[in-house]
Amino acid sequence: MLRLTDFAKGIHAFALLLALGASLAFAASTADLPFGPWTRAANEPILSPQGTTWESAGTFNPAVVFHNGKFIMLYRAQDSGGTSRLGYAESADGLHFTRRADPVLLPEADYEKDGGVEDPRLQKFGGTYYLTYTGYNKKDAQLCLATSSDLIHWERKGVILPAYKGNWNQGWTKSGAIVPEKIDGKYWMYWLGTAADKTDQMGLSWSTDLIHWTEATTTPVLPRRPGKFDSRVVEPGPPPILTKQGIMLVYNGADDNLVYRTAVALFDRRDPRKVLYRSDTPIFVPAKEWEKVGQVPNVVFVEGMVQERNRFLFYYGAADKYMGVAEAPLH
């Protein structure tokens, strides 16, 4: 006959095995990521507002690529009236950037007037860079596209995901993160839309020409999680990269208090709709004073990512005012 103490010991051992199994599963998932823990590569902003004109109120939310031997950054610059333009800066080491005197993309189209051009992401196919950005006219925000061969001169392709349309989106569209290679003969893009409950969640669309896009899901591909750090906003960060394990996408999540933190999701390489892994806790959070105090408090918002030798560099907007950079070792 099994004694109570033996039974209790058995239950305890079984619980330990369950806990060990869960921790090993978590370790295996995180070990599949191509980078290790994040640390700040600079303790102060690498770009701050300057002057009295087009970048006087904020310089934040950057896209960064390595082009012709240099780190090239397109960043959102905001004037005192709240209008945004895209600035251009370059660097030899990825940390110290020299700015171009004038913006490279200004609000000129009707869907950009007064509000501006915001939050760039860059992806390259062949010799052409594809820039997804938010066009905002003080009424609607919509996901737009422009192309360039030199990252300075841009040709608009218009709105690619209109606001208030979609299988589940009922509001604005933003944040187009394009997968770097075709899958199943199609281009794929993760993006942000607004669901019926007014929360911002992540969608997925496909295209054969990068101009015309079709939704791939009837519900958000990466939904919000009530009670967690991404309960209110789930927004794509930099364009994803392809790894042996899948499509790795760094994303920005906000809770009900609109504190923005960074996380990561992994999707199936054969089916970009299928989620294989998702951060249970954030991997990067606001900690510095300049990340907590600004135009919008308590925000780290990653939009740029570059692999450099044995590390990844992650470029982020801080408090919608400054620019920061974090690093993580290459696995």
C-alpha atoms as a PDB file:
ATOM      1  CA  MET A   1       0.000   0.000   0.000  1.00  0.00           C
ATOM      2  CA  LEU A   2       1.383   3.454  -1.023  1.00  0.00           C
ATOM      3  CA  ARG A   3       2.015   5.609   2.012  1.00  0.00           C
ATOM      4  CA  LEU A   4       0.956   9.288   1.994  1.00  0.00           C
ATOM      5  CA  THR A   5       4.569  10.475   2.246  1.00  0.00           C
ATOM      6  CA  ASP A   6       5.524   8.362  -0.785  1.00  0.00           C
ATOM      7  CA  PHE A   7       2.544   9.771  -2.686  1.00  0.00           C
ATOM      8  CA  ALA A   8       3.534  13.319  -1.768  1.00  0.00           C
ATOM      9  CA  LYS A   9       7.107  12.665  -2.858  1.00  0.00           C
ATOM     10  CA  GLY A  10       5.818  11.288  -6.146  1.00  0.00           C
ATOM     11  CA  ILE A  11       3.656  14.350  -6.732  1.00  0.00           C
ATOM     12  CA  HIS A  12       6.605  16.612  -5.906  1.00  0.00           C
ATOM     13  CA  ALA A  13       8.885  14.734  -8.316  1.00  0.00           C
ATOM     14  CA  PHE A  14       6.240  14.863 -11.034  1.00  0.00           C
ATOM     15  CA  ALA A  15       5.848  18.620 -10.522  1.00  0.00           C
ATOM     16  CA  LEU A  16       9.610  19.066 -10.762  1.00  0.00           C
ATOM     17  CA  LEU A  17       9.649  17.091 -14.001  1.00  0.00           C
ATOM     18  CA  LEU A  18       6.853  19.243 -15.411  1.00  0.00           C
ATOM     19  CA  ALA A  19       8.674  22.415 -14.425  1.00  0.00           C
ATOM     20  CA  LEU A  20      11.934  21.107 -15.894  1.00  0.00           C
ATOM     21  CA  GLY A  21      10.158  20.142 -19.088  1.00  0.00           C
ATOM     22  CA  ALA A  22       8.591  23.595 -19.371  1.00  0.00           C
ATOM     23  CA  SER A  23      11.906  25.333 -18.730  1.00  0.00           C
ATOM     24  CA  LEU A  24      13.678  23.130 -21.268  1.00  0.00           C
ATOM     25  CA  ALA A  25      10.980  23.845 -23.838  1.00  0.00           C
ATOM     26  CA  PHE A  26      11.356  27.571 -23.189  1.00  0.00           C
ATOM     27  CA  ALA A  27      15.155  27.320 -23.386  1.00  0.00           C
ATOM     28  CA  ALA A  28      14.907  25.412 -26.655  1.00  0.00           C
ATOM     29  CA  SER A  29      12.599  28.072 -28.092  1.00  0.00           C
ATOM     30  CA  THR A  30      14.782  30.999 -27.045  1.00  0.00           C
ATOM     31  CA  ALA A  31      17.943  29.159 -28.103  1.00  0.00           C
ATOM     32  CA  ASP A  32      16.477  28.973 -31.610  1.00  0.00           C
ATOM     33  CA  LEU A  33      16.626  32.751 -31.881  1.00  0.00           C
ATOM     34  CA  PRO A  34      19.643  34.060 -33.811  1.00  0.00           C
ATOM     35  CA  PHE A  35      20.682  36.484 -31.056  1.00  0.00           C
ATOM     36  CA  GLY A  36      21.294  36.521 -27.320  1.00  0.00           C
ATOM     37  CA  PRO A  37      20.257  39.024 -24.614  1.00  0.00           C
ATOM     38  CA  TRP A  38      19.960  42.704 -25.538  1.00  0.00           C
ATOM     39  CA  THR A  39      22.059  45.455 -23.999  1.00  0.00           C
ATOM     40  CA  ARG A  40      22.293  49.133 -24.889  1.00  0.00           C
ATOM     41  CA  ALA A  41      25.131  49.832 -27.314  1.00  0.00           C
ATOM     42  CA  ALA A  42      24.922  53.484 -26.274  1.00  0.00           C
ATOM     43  CA  ASN A  43      23.669  54.838 -22.961  1.00  0.00           C
ATOM     44  CA  GLU A  44      22.687  58.167 -24.487  1.00  0.00           C
ATOM     45  CA  PRO A  45      20.593  58.908 -27.602  1.00  0.00           C
ATOM     46  CA  ILE A  46      22.484  58.515 -30.871  1.00  0.00           C
ATOM     47  CA  LEU A  47      20.207  61.123 -32.481  1.00  0.00           C
ATOM     48  CA  SER A  48      18.279  63.949 -30.801  1.00  0.00           C
ATOM     49  CA  PRO A  49      16.091  66.813 -32.025  1.00  0.00           C
ATOM     50  CA  GLN A  50      18.006  69.817 -33.317  1.00  0.00           C
ATOM     51  CA  GLY A  51      17.439  73.262 -34.804  1.00  0.00           C
ATOM     52  CA  THR A  52      14.160  75.115 -35.060  1.00  0.00           C
ATOM     53  CA  THR A  53      12.679  73.645 -38.238  1.00  0.00           C
ATOM     54  CA  TRP A  54      11.918  70.165 -39.592  1.00  0.00           C
ATOM     55  CA  GLU A  55      13.608  68.076 -36.852  1.00  0.00           C
ATOM     56  CA  SER A  56      13.196  70.334 -33.840  1.00  0.00           C
ATOM     57  CA  ALA A  57      10.612  68.286 -31.897  1.00  0.00           C
ATOM     58  CA  GLY A  58      11.626  64.677 -32.438  1.00  0.00           C
ATOM     59  CA  THR A  59      14.038  62.341 -34.259  1.00  0.00           C
ATOM     60  CA  PHE A  60      12.902  58.754 -33.752  1.00  0.00           C
ATOM     61  CA  ASN A  61      11.615  55.469 -35.238  1.00  0.00           C
ATOM     62  CA  PRO A  62      14.415  54.693 -37.727  1.00  0.00           C
ATOM     63  CA  ALA A  63      14.940  52.217 -40.551  1.00  0.00           C
ATOM     64  CA  VAL A  64      18.595  51.200 -40.974  1.00  0.00           C
ATOM     65  CA  VAL A  65      20.372  49.180 -43.676  1.00  0.00           C
ATOM     66  CA  PHE A  66      23.988  48.516 -44.629  1.00  0.00           C
ATOM     67  CA  HIS A  67      24.526  50.032 -48.081  1.00  0.00           C
ATOM     68  CA  ASN A  68      27.766  50.619 -50.024  1.00  0.00           C
ATOM     69  CA  GLY A  69      29.907  50.039 -46.937  1.00  0.00           C
ATOM     70  CA  LYS A  70      27.942  52.364 -44.655  1.00  0.00           C
ATOM     71  CA  PHE A  71      25.056  52.212 -42.234  1.00  0.00           C
ATOM     72  CA  ILE A  72      22.261  54.257 -43.792  1.00  0.00           C
ATOM     73  CA  MET A  73      19.423  55.459 -41.593  1.00  0.00           C
ATOM     74  CA  LEU A  74      16.066  56.894 -42.583  1.00  0.00           C
ATOM     75  CA  TYR A  75      14.410  58.388 -39.549  1.00  0.00           C
ATOM     76  CA  ARG A  76      11.194  60.142 -38.653  1.00  0.00           C
ATOM     77  CA  ALA A  77      11.822  63.818 -37.930  1.00  0.00           C
ATOM     78  CA  GLN A  78       9.046  65.949 -36.463  1.00  0.00           C
ATOM     79  CA  ASP A  79       8.746  69.725 -36.364  1.00  0.00           C
ATOM     80  CA  SER A  80       7.092  71.844 -33.675  1.00  0.00           C
ATOM     81  CA  GLY A  81       3.781  71.693 -35.520  1.00  0.00           C
ATOM     82  CA  GLY A  82       3.696  67.897 -35.437  1.00  0.00           C
ATOM     83  CA  THR A  83       4.434  67.309 -39.142  1.00  0.00           C
ATOM     84  CA  SER A  84       6.849  64.465 -39.902  1.00  0.00           C
ATOM     85  CA  ARG A  85       9.444  64.078 -42.655  1.00  0.00           C
ATOM     86  CA  LEU A  86      12.057  61.410 -43.299  1.00  0.00           C
ATOM     87  CA  GLY A  87      15.634  62.396 -42.577  1.00  0.00           C
ATOM     88  CA  TYR A  88      18.765  60.645 -43.841  1.00  0.00           C
ATOM     89  CA  ALA A  89      21.944  59.892 -41.863  1.00  0.00           C
ATOM     90  CA  GLU A  90      24.978  57.676 -42.438  1.00  0.00           C
ATOM     91  CA  SER A  91      27.634  56.076 -40.281  1.00  0.00           C
ATOM     92  CA  ALA A  92      30.841  54.051 -40.582  1.00  0.00           C
ATOM     93  CA  ASP A  93      30.415  52.221 -37.263  1.00  0.00           C
ATOM     94  CA  GLY A  94      26.637  52.059 -36.779  1.00  0.00           C
ATOM     95  CA  LEU A  95      26.795  54.265 -33.685  1.00  0.00           C
ATOM     96  CA  HIS A  96      27.889  57.741 -34.782  1.00  0.00           C
ATOM     97  CA  PHE A  97      25.713  59.177 -37.541  1.00  0.00           C
ATOM     98  CA  THR A  98      26.107  62.236 -39.743  1.00  0.00           C
ATOM     99  CA  ARG A  99      22.813  63.772 -40.894  1.00  0.00           C
ATOM    100  CA  ARG A 100      21.941  65.104 -44.291  1.00  0.00           C
ATOM    101  CA  ALA A 101      20.899  68.760 -44.061  1.00  0.00           C
ATOM    102  CA  ASP A 102      17.517  68.274 -45.743  1.00  0.00           C
ATOM    103  CA  PRO A 103      14.899  65.523 -45.514  1.00  0.00           C
ATOM    104  CA  VAL A 104      14.703  62.956 -48.309  1.00  0.00           C
ATOM    105  CA  LEU A 105      10.935  62.431 -48.186  1.00  0.00           C
ATOM    106  CA  LEU A 106       8.472  65.240 -47.458  1.00  0.00           C
ATOM    107  CA  PRO A 107       4.661  65.198 -47.175  1.00  0.00           C
ATOM    108  CA  GLU A 108       3.524  66.051 -50.694  1.00  0.00           C
ATOM    109  CA  ALA A 109       0.727  63.633 -51.604  1.00  0.00           C
ATOM    110  CA  ASP A 110      -2.836  64.254 -50.409  1.00  0.00           C
ATOM    111  CA  TYR A 111      -2.654  61.257 -48.078  1.00  0.00           C
ATOM    112  CA  GLU A 112       0.417  62.807 -46.356  1.00  0.00           C
ATOM    113  CA  LYS A 113      -0.462  66.506 -46.166  1.00  0.00           C
ATOM    114  CA  ASP A 114      -0.177  68.237 -42.777  1.00  0.00           C
ATOM    115  CA  GLY A 115       0.502  65.066 -40.800  1.00  0.00           C
ATOM    116  CA  GLY A 116       3.461  63.785 -42.733  1.00  0.00           C
ATOM    117  CA  VAL A 117       5.464  60.701 -43.584  1.00  0.00           C
ATOM    118  CA  GLU A 118       6.212  58.464 -40.608  1.00  0.00           C
ATOM    119  CA  ASP A 119       7.846  55.297 -39.305  1.00  0.00           C
ATOM    120  CA  PRO A 120       9.878  53.878 -42.227  1.00  0.00           C
ATOM    121  CA  ARG A 121      10.889  50.267 -42.823  1.00  0.00           C
ATOM    122  CA  LEU A 122      13.255  49.198 -45.607  1.00  0.00           C
ATOM    123  CA  GLN A 123      13.523  45.997 -47.622  1.00  0.00           C
ATOM    124  CA  LYS A 124      15.677  45.371 -50.711  1.00  0.00           C
ATOM    125  CA  PHE A 125      14.859  43.217 -53.746  1.00  0.00           C
ATOM    126  CA  GLY A 126      17.417  43.206 -56.528  1.00  0.00           C
ATOM    127  CA  GLY A 127      18.808  46.731 -56.856  1.00  0.00           C
ATOM    128  CA  THR A 128      15.677  48.413 -55.507  1.00  0.00           C
ATOM    129  CA  TYR A 129      14.856  49.480 -51.961  1.00  0.00           C
ATOM    130  CA  TYR A 130      11.204  49.283 -50.954  1.00  0.00           C
ATOM    131  CA  LEU A 131      10.192  51.775 -48.293  1.00  0.00           C
ATOM    132  CA  THR A 132       6.989  51.148 -46.368  1.00  0.00           C
ATOM    133  CA  TYR A 133       5.838  54.110 -44.314  1.00  0.00           C
ATOM    134  CA  THR A 134       2.770  55.676 -42.756  1.00  0.00           C
ATOM    135  CA  GLY A 135       1.142  58.507 -44.671  1.00  0.00           C
ATOM    136  CA  TYR A 136      -0.825  60.706 -42.276  1.00  0.00           C
ATOM    137  CA  ASN A 137      -2.971  63.683 -43.301  1.00  0.00           C
ATOM    138  CA  LYS A 138      -4.241  64.588 -39.799  1.00  0.00           C
ATOM    139  CA  LYS A 139      -7.365  62.570 -40.584  1.00  0.00           C
ATOM    140  CA  ASP A 140      -6.259  59.095 -41.639  1.00  0.00           C
ATOM    141  CA  ALA A 141      -3.076  57.067 -41.318  1.00  0.00           C
ATOM    142  CA  GLN A 142      -2.443  54.586 -44.130  1.00  0.00           C
ATOM    143  CA  LEU A 143       0.352  52.226 -45.113  1.00  0.00           C
ATOM    144  CA  CYS A 144       2.218  53.549 -48.164  1.00  0.00           C
ATOM    145  CA  LEU A 145       5.119  52.485 -50.395  1.00  0.00           C
ATOM    146  CA  ALA A 146       7.975  54.230 -52.214  1.00  0.00           C
ATOM    147  CA  THR A 147      10.999  52.867 -54.101  1.00  0.00           C
ATOM    148  CA  SER A 148      14.592  53.980 -54.619  1.00  0.00           C
ATOM    149  CA  SER A 149      17.958  52.729 -55.836  1.00  0.00           C
ATOM    150  CA  ASP A 150      20.060  55.141 -53.746  1.00  0.00           C
ATOM    151  CA  LEU A 151      17.955  55.693 -50.577  1.00  0.00           C
ATOM    152  CA  ILE A 152      17.830  59.427 -51.297  1.00  0.00           C
ATOM    153  CA  HIS A 153      15.568  59.875 -54.328  1.00  0.00           C
ATOM    154  CA  TRP A 154      12.173  58.235 -53.852  1.00  0.00           C
ATOM    155  CA  GLU A 155       9.300  57.375 -56.186  1.00  0.00           C
ATOM    156  CA  ARG A 156       5.910  57.067 -54.539  1.00  0.00           C
ATOM    157  CA  LYS A 157       3.769  54.024 -55.307  1.00  0.00           C
ATOM    158  CA  GLY A 158       0.804  55.231 -53.258  1.00  0.00           C
ATOM    159  CA  VAL A 159      -1.290  53.712 -50.494  1.00  0.00           C
ATOM    160  CA  ILE A 160      -0.918  49.923 -50.474  1.00  0.00           C
ATOM    161  CA  LEU A 161      -3.218  49.110 -47.527  1.00  0.00           C
ATOM    162  CA  PRO A 162      -6.090  51.626 -47.271  1.00  0.00           C
ATOM    163  CA  ALA A 163      -7.542  52.526 -43.886  1.00  0.00           C
ATOM    164  CA  TYR A 164     -10.940  51.150 -42.792  1.00  0.00           C
ATOM    165  CA  LYS A 165     -10.722  48.132 -45.108  1.00  0.00           C
ATOM    166  CA  GLY A 166      -9.891  44.508 -44.513  1.00  0.00           C
ATOM    167  CA  ASN A 167     -11.060  41.204 -43.133  1.00  0.00           C
ATOM    168  CA  TRP A 168     -10.798  42.421 -39.536  1.00  0.00           C
ATOM    169  CA  ASN A 169      -9.187  45.875 -39.691  1.00  0.00           C
ATOM    170  CA  GLN A 170     -11.629  48.699 -38.994  1.00  0.00           C
ATOM    171  CA  GLY A 171      -9.212  51.590 -38.619  1.00  0.00           C
ATOM    172  CA  TRP A 172      -5.823  52.870 -39.703  1.00  0.00           C
ATOM    173  CA  THR A 173      -3.041  50.823 -41.290  1.00  0.00           C
ATOM    174  CA  LYS A 174       0.664  51.101 -40.433  1.00  0.00           C
ATOM    175  CA  SER A 175       4.029  49.387 -40.081  1.00  0.00           C
ATOM    176  CA  GLY A 176       4.647  47.231 -43.136  1.00  0.00           C
ATOM    177  CA  ALA A 177       7.412  44.676 -42.471  1.00  0.00           C
ATOM    178  CA  ILE A 178       8.151  42.741 -45.686  1.00  0.00           C
ATOM    179  CA  VAL A 179       9.695  39.240 -45.607  1.00  0.00           C
ATOM    180  CA  PRO A 180      13.052  39.312 -47.492  1.00  0.00           C
ATOM    181  CA  GLU A 181      12.349  36.399 -49.854  1.00  0.00           C
ATOM    182  CA  LYS A 182       9.379  35.042 -51.731  1.00  0.00           C
ATOM    183  CA  ILE A 183       7.580  32.112 -50.140  1.00  0.00           C
ATOM    184  CA  ASP A 184       5.311  29.956 -52.286  1.00  0.00           C
ATOM    185  CA  GLY A 185       5.879  32.389 -55.163  1.00  0.00           C
ATOM    186  CA  LYS A 186       4.587  35.386 -53.181  1.00  0.00           C
ATOM    187  CA  TYR A 187       5.883  38.349 -51.226  1.00  0.00           C
ATOM    188  CA  TRP A 188       4.606  38.543 -47.632  1.00  0.00           C
ATOM    189  CA  MET A 189       4.143  41.506 -45.326  1.00  0.00           C
ATOM    190  CA  TYR A 190       3.217  41.819 -41.644  1.00  0.00           C
ATOM    191  CA  TRP A 191       1.397  45.053 -40.746  1.00  0.00           C
ATOM    192  CA  LEU A 192      -0.705  46.825 -38.118  1.00  0.00           C
ATOM    193  CA  GLY A 193      -4.467  47.317 -38.172  1.00  0.00           C
ATOM    194  CA  THR A 194      -7.205  48.195 -35.687  1.00  0.00           C
ATOM    195  CA  ALA A 195      -9.713  45.545 -34.637  1.00  0.00           C
ATOM    196  CA  ALA A 196     -13.364  46.075 -33.700  1.00  0.00           C
ATOM    197  CA  ASP A 197     -12.440  46.420 -30.015  1.00  0.00           C
ATOM    198  CA  LYS A 198     -10.181  49.410 -30.905  1.00  0.00           C
ATOM    199  CA  THR A 199      -6.974  47.506 -30.117  1.00  0.00           C
ATOM    200  CA  ASP A 200      -4.110  47.459 -32.623  1.00  0.00           C
ATOM    201  CA  GLN A 201      -3.086  44.012 -33.794  1.00  0.00           C
ATOM    202  CA  MET A 202      -0.937  42.394 -36.458  1.00  0.00           C
ATOM    203  CA  GLY A 203      -2.137  41.323 -39.887  1.00  0.00           C
ATOM    204  CA  LEU A 204      -0.528  39.485 -42.814  1.00  0.00           C
ATOM    205  CA  SER A 205      -0.901  40.049 -46.558  1.00  0.00           C
ATOM    206  CA  TRP A 206       0.689  38.668 -49.721  1.00  0.00           C
ATOM    207  CA  SER A 207       1.492  40.146 -53.116  1.00  0.00           C
ATOM    208  CA  THR A 208       2.971  39.162 -56.462  1.00  0.00           C
ATOM    209  CA  ASP A 209       4.223  42.667 -57.355  1.00  0.00           C
ATOM    210  CA  LEU A 210       4.738  44.432 -53.983  1.00  0.00           C
ATOM    211  CA  ILE A 211       2.072  46.977 -54.997  1.00  0.00           C
ATOM    212  CA  HIS A 212      -1.210  45.082 -54.765  1.00  0.00           C
ATOM    213  CA  TRP A 213      -1.752  43.185 -51.528  1.00  0.00           C
ATOM    214  CA  THR A 214      -4.271  40.518 -50.458  1.00  0.00           C
ATOM    215  CA  GLU A 215      -4.971  39.588 -46.858  1.00  0.00           C
ATOM    216  CA  ALA A 216      -3.792  36.108 -45.908  1.00  0.00           C
ATOM    217  CA  THR A 217      -5.891  35.674 -42.752  1.00  0.00           C
ATOM    218  CA  THR A 218      -9.426  36.429 -41.600  1.00  0.00           C
ATOM    219  CA  THR A 219      -8.275  37.354 -38.087  1.00  0.00           C
ATOM    220  CA  PRO A 220      -5.057  38.938 -36.771  1.00  0.00           C
ATOM    221  CA  VAL A 221      -2.053  36.706 -37.430  1.00  0.00           C
ATOM    222  CA  LEU A 222      -0.537  37.813 -34.114  1.00  0.00           C
ATOM    223  CA  PRO A 223      -3.354  38.929 -31.805  1.00  0.00           C
ATOM    224  CA  ARG A 224      -3.150  40.913 -28.601  1.00  0.00           C
ATOM    225  CA  ARG A 225      -2.904  39.012 -25.309  1.00  0.00           C
ATOM    226  CA  PRO A 226      -5.117  40.406 -22.511  1.00  0.00           C
ATOM    227  CA  GLY A 227      -3.262  40.915 -19.254  1.00  0.00           C
ATOM    228  CA  LYS A 228       0.186  40.784 -20.825  1.00  0.00           C
ATOM    229  CA  PHE A 229       2.715  43.373 -22.027  1.00  0.00           C
ATOM    230  CA  ASP A 230       1.110  43.287 -25.504  1.00  0.00           C
ATOM    231  CA  SER A 231      -2.528  43.558 -24.430  1.00  0.00           C
ATOM    232  CA  ARG A 232      -3.231  46.782 -26.354  1.00  0.00           C
ATOM    233  CA  VAL A 233      -0.816  46.954 -29.330  1.00  0.00           C
ATOM    234  CA  VAL A 234       0.975  44.259 -31.348  1.00  0.00           C
ATOM    235  CA  GLU A 235       2.995  46.054 -34.047  1.00  0.00           C
ATOM    236  CA  PRO A 236       5.684  44.802 -36.441  1.00  0.00           C
ATOM    237  CA  GLY A 237       9.178  46.120 -35.853  1.00  0.00           C
ATOM    238  CA  PRO A 238      11.975  45.813 -38.429  1.00  0.00           C
ATOM    239  CA  PRO A 239      11.471  43.660 -41.533  1.00  0.00           C
ATOM    240  CA  PRO A 240      11.801  40.009 -40.513  1.00  0.00           C
ATOM    241  CA  ILE A 241      14.781  37.807 -41.260  1.00  0.00           C
ATOM    242  CA  LEU A 242      14.828  34.164 -42.348  1.00  0.00           C
ATOM    243  CA  THR A 243      16.519  31.650 -40.082  1.00  0.00           C
ATOM    244  CA  LYS A 244      16.715  27.851 -40.127  1.00  0.00           C
ATOM    245  CA  GLN A 245      13.976  27.827 -37.519  1.00  0.00           C
ATOM    246  CA  GLY A 246      11.592  30.154 -39.343  1.00  0.00           C
ATOM    247  CA  ILE A 247      10.671  33.758 -40.077  1.00  0.00           C
ATOM    248  CA  MET A 248      11.898  35.803 -37.139  1.00  0.00           C
ATOM    249  CA  LEU A 249      10.028  39.050 -36.509  1.00  0.00           C
ATOM    250  CA  VAL A 250      10.924  41.517 -33.766  1.00  0.00           C
ATOM    251  CA  TYR A 251       7.749  43.322 -32.732  1.00  0.00           C
ATOM    252  CA  ASN A 252       6.631  46.159 -30.482  1.00  0.00           C
ATOM    253  CA  GLY A 253       3.966  45.501 -27.872  1.00  0.00           C
ATOM    254  CA  ALA A 254       2.073  47.915 -25.648  1.00  0.00           C
ATOM    255  CA  ASP A 255      -0.010  47.179 -22.579  1.00  0.00           C
ATOM    256  CA  ASP A 256      -3.229  48.851 -21.455  1.00  0.00           C
ATOM    257  CA  ASN A 257      -1.211  51.797 -20.110  1.00  0.00           C
ATOM    258  CA  LEU A 258       0.510  52.175 -23.506  1.00  0.00           C
ATOM    259  CA  VAL A 259       3.953  51.283 -22.200  1.00  0.00           C
ATOM    260  CA  TYR A 260       5.846  50.012 -25.248  1.00  0.00           C
ATOM    261  CA  ARG A 261       8.234  47.084 -24.961  1.00  0.00           C
ATOM    262  CA  THR A 262       9.992  44.799 -27.451  1.00  0.00           C
ATOM    263  CA  ALA A 263       9.309  41.135 -28.153  1.00  0.00           C
ATOM    264  CA  VAL A 264       9.906  38.522 -30.847  1.00  0.00           C
ATOM    265  CA  ALA A 265       7.775  36.051 -32.800  1.00  0.00           C
ATOM    266  CA  LEU A 266       8.769  33.153 -35.029  1.00  0.00           C
ATOM    267  CA  PHE A 267       6.648  32.071 -37.989  1.00  0.00           C
ATOM    268  CA  ASP A 268       6.854  28.975 -40.181  1.00  0.00           C
ATOM    269  CA  ARG A 269       9.090  29.446 -43.251  1.00  0.00           C
ATOM    270  CA  ARG A 270       6.669  27.428 -45.378  1.00  0.00           C
ATOM    271  CA  ASP A 271       3.548  29.096 -44.011  1.00  0.00           C
ATOM    272  CA  PRO A 272       3.996  32.710 -42.784  1.00  0.00           C
ATOM    273  CA  ARG A 273       0.561  32.477 -41.123  1.00  0.00           C
ATOM    274  CA  LYS A 274       1.713  29.873 -38.609  1.00  0.00           C
ATOM    275  CA  VAL A 275       3.161  31.087 -35.290  1.00  0.00           C
ATOM    276  CA  LEU A 276       5.876  28.783 -33.933  1.00  0.00           C
ATOM    277  CA  TYR A 277       7.094  30.846 -31.004  1.00  0.00           C
ATOM    278  CA  ARG A 278       6.243  34.105 -29.253  1.00  0.00           C
ATOM    279  CA  SER A 279       7.901  35.928 -26.350  1.00  0.00           C
ATOM    280  CA  ASP A 280       6.142  35.318 -23.070  1.00  0.00           C
ATOM    281  CA  THR A 281       7.936  38.307 -21.559  1.00  0.00           C
ATOM    282  CA  PRO A 282       9.534  41.341 -23.257  1.00  0.00           C
ATOM    283  CA  ILE A 283      13.179  41.235 -24.332  1.00  0.00           C
ATOM    284  CA  PHE A 284      13.731  45.022 -24.115  1.00  0.00           C
ATOM    285  CA  VAL A 285      11.954  47.662 -22.021  1.00  0.00           C
ATOM    286  CA  PRO A 286      12.131  51.416 -21.317  1.00  0.00           C
ATOM    287  CA  ALA A 287      14.745  52.007 -18.620  1.00  0.00           C
ATOM    288  CA  LYS A 288      16.669  55.213 -19.326  1.00  0.00           C
ATOM    289  CA  GLU A 289      15.219  58.615 -18.461  1.00  0.00           C
ATOM    290  CA  TRP A 290      15.168  59.576 -22.160  1.00  0.00           C
ATOM    291  CA  GLU A 291      13.153  56.426 -22.922  1.00  0.00           C
ATOM    292  CA  LYS A 292      10.635  57.252 -20.220  1.00  0.00           C
ATOM    293  CA  VAL A 293      10.248  61.013 -20.733  1.00  0.00           C
ATOM    294  CA  GLY A 294       9.531  62.655 -24.096  1.00  0.00           C
ATOM    295  CA  GLN A 295       6.632  63.364 -26.433  1.00  0.00           C
ATOM    296  CA  VAL A 296       5.112  59.981 -25.497  1.00  0.00           C
ATOM    297  CA  PRO A 297       6.347  58.511 -22.188  1.00  0.00           C
ATOM    298  CA  ASN A 298       7.657  54.986 -21.622  1.00  0.00           C
ATOM    299  CA  VAL A 299       8.364  53.926 -25.180  1.00  0.00           C
ATOM    300  CA  VAL A 300      11.050  51.841 -26.851  1.00  0.00           C
ATOM    301  CA  PHE A 301       9.983  51.217 -30.439  1.00  0.00           C
ATOM    302  CA  VAL A 302      12.317  49.133 -32.626  1.00  0.00           C
ATOM    303  CA  GLU A 303      12.223  49.629 -36.396  1.00  0.00           C
ATOM    304  CA  GLY A 304      15.780  49.060 -37.621  1.00  0.00           C
ATOM    305  CA  MET A 305      17.956  45.921 -37.415  1.00  0.00           C
ATOM    306  CA  VAL A 306      21.369  45.218 -38.946  1.00  0.00           C
ATOM    307  CA  GLN A 307      23.642  42.207 -38.499  1.00  0.00           C
ATOM    308  CA  GLU A 308      27.231  43.343 -38.086  1.00  0.00           C
ATOM    309  CA  ARG A 309      29.906  40.634 -37.805  1.00  0.00           C
ATOM    310  CA  ASN A 310      29.211  38.843 -34.497  1.00  0.00           C
ATOM    311  CA  ARG A 311      26.292  40.952 -33.308  1.00  0.00           C
ATOM    312  CA  PHE A 312      22.936  42.432 -34.187  1.00  0.00           C
ATOM    313  CA  LEU A 313      22.269  46.152 -33.832  1.00  0.00           C
ATOM    314  CA  PHE A 314      18.694  47.225 -33.081  1.00  0.00           C
ATOM    315  CA  TYR A 315      17.678  50.847 -33.673  1.00  0.00           C
ATOM    316  CA  TYR A 316      14.710  52.238 -31.801  1.00  0.00           C
ATOM    317  CA  GLY A 317      12.716  55.349 -31.087  1.00  0.00           C
ATOM    318  CA  ALA A 318      12.631  56.412 -27.440  1.00  0.00           C
ATOM    319  CA  ALA A 319       9.644  58.297 -25.991  1.00  0.00           C
ATOM    320  CA  ASP A 320       8.811  59.487 -29.538  1.00  0.00           C
ATOM    321  CA  LYS A 321      11.645  62.000 -29.282  1.00  0.00           C
ATOM    322  CA  TYR A 322      15.073  60.345 -29.361  1.00  0.00           C
ATOM    323  CA  MET A 323      16.953  57.584 -31.147  1.00  0.00           C
ATOM    324  CA  GLY A 324      18.660  54.696 -29.373  1.00  0.00           C
ATOM    325  CA  VAL A 325      20.581  51.573 -30.326  1.00  0.00           C
ATOM    326  CA  ALA A 326      20.803  48.196 -28.609  1.00  0.00           C
ATOM    327  CA  GLU A 327      23.003  45.204 -29.418  1.00  0.00           C
ATOM    328  CA  ALA A 328      22.822  41.454 -28.986  1.00  0.00           C
ATOM    329  CA  PRO A 329      25.438  38.775 -29.666  1.00  0.00           C
ATOM    330  CA  LEU A 330      25.009  36.543 -32.686  1.00  0.00           C
ATOM    331  CA  HIS A 331      24.154  32.951 -31.780  1.00  0.00           C
END
